[in-house]
Protein backbone atom coordinates (compact mmCIF):
# COMPACT_ATOMS: atom_id res chain seq x y z
CA UNK A 1 -89.51 85.88 191.40
CA UNK A 2 -92.82 84.48 190.54
CA UNK A 3 -95.13 87.46 189.41
CA UNK A 4 -98.15 85.38 189.42
CA UNK A 5 -97.59 84.35 193.08
CA UNK A 6 -97.03 88.05 194.09
CA UNK A 7 -100.43 89.11 192.46
CA UNK A 8 -102.26 86.35 194.23
CA UNK A 9 -100.72 87.26 197.51
CA UNK A 10 -101.49 91.04 196.98
CA UNK A 11 -105.16 89.99 196.15
CA UNK A 12 -105.69 88.14 199.52
CA UNK A 13 -107.80 89.76 202.27
CA UNK A 14 -105.73 91.06 205.06
CA UNK A 15 -106.83 88.31 207.34
CA UNK A 16 -105.37 85.69 204.95
CA UNK A 17 -102.18 87.38 204.17
CA UNK A 18 -99.06 85.83 205.41
CA UNK A 19 -98.11 87.31 208.80
CA UNK A 20 -94.32 88.60 208.69
CA UNK A 21 -94.58 90.94 211.72
CA UNK A 22 -92.43 90.25 214.89
CA UNK A 23 -95.00 91.93 216.92
CA UNK A 24 -98.89 91.46 216.65
CA UNK A 25 -100.86 94.34 215.70
CA UNK A 26 -104.52 94.91 216.87
CA UNK A 27 -107.29 95.87 214.40
CA UNK A 28 -108.61 99.16 214.67
CA UNK A 29 -110.26 101.98 212.68
CA UNK A 30 -109.06 105.33 213.99
CA UNK A 31 -108.89 108.62 212.33
CA UNK A 32 -105.32 109.89 212.09
CA UNK A 33 -103.24 112.65 210.66
CA UNK A 34 -99.90 112.24 208.70
CA UNK A 35 -97.87 115.34 209.54
CA UNK A 36 -94.54 116.41 208.23
CA UNK A 37 -94.18 120.05 208.64
CA UNK A 38 -95.84 122.67 210.53
CA UNK A 39 -98.54 123.52 208.06
CA UNK A 40 -99.26 120.29 206.43
CA UNK A 41 -101.30 117.28 207.47
CA UNK A 42 -102.86 114.49 205.30
CA UNK A 43 -106.03 112.56 206.81
CA UNK A 44 -105.63 108.87 207.13
CA UNK A 45 -107.25 105.88 208.90
CA UNK A 46 -105.33 103.71 211.27
CA UNK A 47 -106.20 100.21 210.37
CA UNK A 48 -104.22 98.39 212.65
CA UNK A 49 -101.70 99.30 215.37
CA UNK A 50 -98.74 97.94 217.68
CA UNK A 51 -96.06 99.26 219.92
CA UNK A 52 -93.89 98.91 216.96
CA UNK A 53 -95.84 100.27 213.99
CA UNK A 54 -99.26 100.56 212.08
CA UNK A 55 -101.11 99.97 208.90
CA UNK A 56 -102.46 103.41 207.45
CA UNK A 57 -104.96 103.81 204.75
CA UNK A 58 -104.95 107.20 202.76
CA UNK A 59 -106.85 108.54 199.67
CA UNK A 60 -103.56 109.09 198.01
CA UNK A 61 -99.92 108.70 198.74
CA UNK A 62 -99.03 111.60 196.50
CA UNK A 63 -96.87 114.12 198.55
CA UNK A 64 -96.41 111.42 201.63
CA UNK A 65 -92.64 111.63 202.77
CA UNK A 66 -90.89 108.35 203.95
CA UNK A 67 -90.55 110.02 207.57
CA UNK A 68 -93.34 111.91 209.26
CA UNK A 69 -95.40 112.29 212.39
CA UNK A 70 -98.58 109.90 212.98
CA UNK A 71 -101.08 111.92 215.01
CA UNK A 72 -104.21 110.24 216.56
CA UNK A 73 -105.98 112.94 218.39
CA UNK A 74 -108.67 110.86 220.10
CA UNK A 75 -105.71 108.62 221.97
CA UNK A 76 -103.53 111.93 222.53
CA UNK A 77 -101.17 109.88 220.31
CA UNK A 78 -97.92 111.52 218.33
CA UNK A 79 -95.39 109.12 216.99
CA UNK A 80 -92.36 109.72 214.46
CA UNK A 81 -92.70 107.07 211.76
CA UNK A 82 -90.92 105.64 208.91
CA UNK A 83 -92.70 104.08 205.95
CA UNK A 84 -91.38 100.40 205.21
CA UNK A 85 -93.91 99.58 202.38
CA UNK A 86 -96.44 101.05 200.20
CA UNK A 87 -99.26 99.72 198.20
CA UNK A 88 -101.87 101.78 196.32
CA UNK A 89 -103.75 103.57 199.29
CA UNK A 90 -101.93 101.78 202.19
CA UNK A 91 -98.76 102.37 204.07
CA UNK A 92 -96.90 100.19 206.70
CA UNK A 93 -94.92 102.17 208.99
CA UNK A 94 -92.54 101.44 211.92
CA UNK A 95 -92.39 103.83 214.83
CA UNK A 96 -88.76 105.42 215.21
CA UNK A 97 -89.24 106.03 218.87
CA UNK A 98 -90.39 102.68 220.10
CA UNK A 99 -90.11 103.68 223.83
CA UNK A 100 -92.19 106.50 223.30
CA UNK A 101 -94.72 104.40 221.56
CA UNK A 102 -94.72 101.72 224.14
CA UNK A 103 -95.46 104.27 226.90
CA UNK A 104 -98.30 105.89 224.65
CA UNK A 105 -99.83 102.47 223.98
CA UNK A 106 -99.66 101.30 227.60
CA UNK A 107 -99.86 104.22 229.96
CA UNK A 108 -98.99 103.56 233.64
CA UNK A 109 -102.08 103.75 236.09
């Protein structure tokens, strides 16, 4: 693999990055919390969101496990997640209960 190419792709702004997702995500900027036990929560920013996953931004990835629950209080959103990639201060997560995520993202009237 050409590491020069990897560096260039990593340096591209989010809008110019190559789209690899199967489901489009919607840009957002919401406060969230990464919870993984009854007493712990790590603040995060939800940068984009879809029925299948999200892009999270954190101050530090230290102590964040691969599996946790994402909570977005303002939306009454609580969803189990699995980390699929990590870069510096960003995490790409997939929701592990996609039926629940879809119901929460698109509530019935």
